[in-house]
Amino acid sequence: MNVGLLDIPGARSTRYWESFLNELGVQVASPRLDAGAAYALGLRSLPDAPAQVALVLGRLLELGNLDLVLLPRTRPVALDAWTSDLPELLGRRLSGLPRLMALPDGGDELRSAANDLGQMLTRSPNLVRTALNKVSPLATAPRVPAPVMSIGSRPTVAVIGPDSLLADAFLSAPLRERLEALGLHPVYANALPRDQLEERGERFTTASGKPLESGERDLSGALSLLEGKGAVRGVVYAAAARDAATLAALGRLAARAHKPGVSVEVDPQAPGLGADLGALDAFAASLGAVSAGAGVEA
């Protein structure tokens, strides 16, 4: 069986799945195109797709004709069909794609899903058991240090957004470069310990009192953790271009925030954040950023 594995933006378990398949002796195809080329390829096929989906699609199209492509499932916000049903949606929107299988991105179901996948690929319980034991240390995310909350005279801003954007160097590059150029010190939500995000996020519910979707819990937990820090002067709410569900979730967060904020859509094809450039510049200036609005090229 020809198997591919996609490194989904923001997924935390990719190394686990790579190592597990390697221990099984499964030959795995991986994309080789650089991120910019893959993004352009995916966008040509689905121009209305959120930026992170276009990147995944480009990498999938590059892999070509395989029997199975595996992709870790990341954490959705409310009404986020692209995240919660990505394999199904891609299969409905485009014909001729290989079979897609979503895998858990950590959590209690990781070992069970790996066992089922291993049995399907090898039909060897002993081999699967040995592989599971060898990769078990990778199932636990490493502890991360607390982020630096202040640097010199730069105003500190919390940057709240999904891992699918903030943890991907290509997708988040325009935002990171702009915040640096504006003289701000950003503290990114994806740099916070996941256990702290989950603990804080569980305190919040929907307007009707129901539990939040996992991705929205992460966003709520990050805002709660960072907005309470005295060093944080304001909040940047960041979503990938065309990601309507995340934009709506961030809007709900901003409505209950106490510190000033600004929302931006990040598209790697729009250097300087495109239409959101002026709003972000004005926000930086309002916080007293040294270089805001002066000598910063668009």
Foldseek 3Di string as FASTA:
>chain_A
DAEEEEDQQLFQQSVLVVLLCVLLVHDYDWADDPQVQLLVQLCVLPVLDFSSLSSRSSRQVRSPDGQEYEYEQDFDFPPQCCRVPVQVVVCVSDPDGHRYDYAHRADDCRLVRQQVVSCVVRVDNVSSVVSCVVSVVSRDDDDADDDDQDDPPAQEAEEFDFSSQPVDCLQVVLVVVLCVQLQHHYDYLVRDGPVQLQVQLQVDDPPVRHRTTPRLSSRRSSLVVPLPDPRHQYYEYEEEPSSVSSVVSVVVVCVPGDHHYDYAYTDSVAHCRPPCNVVVLVVSVVSPRPCRPHPRDD
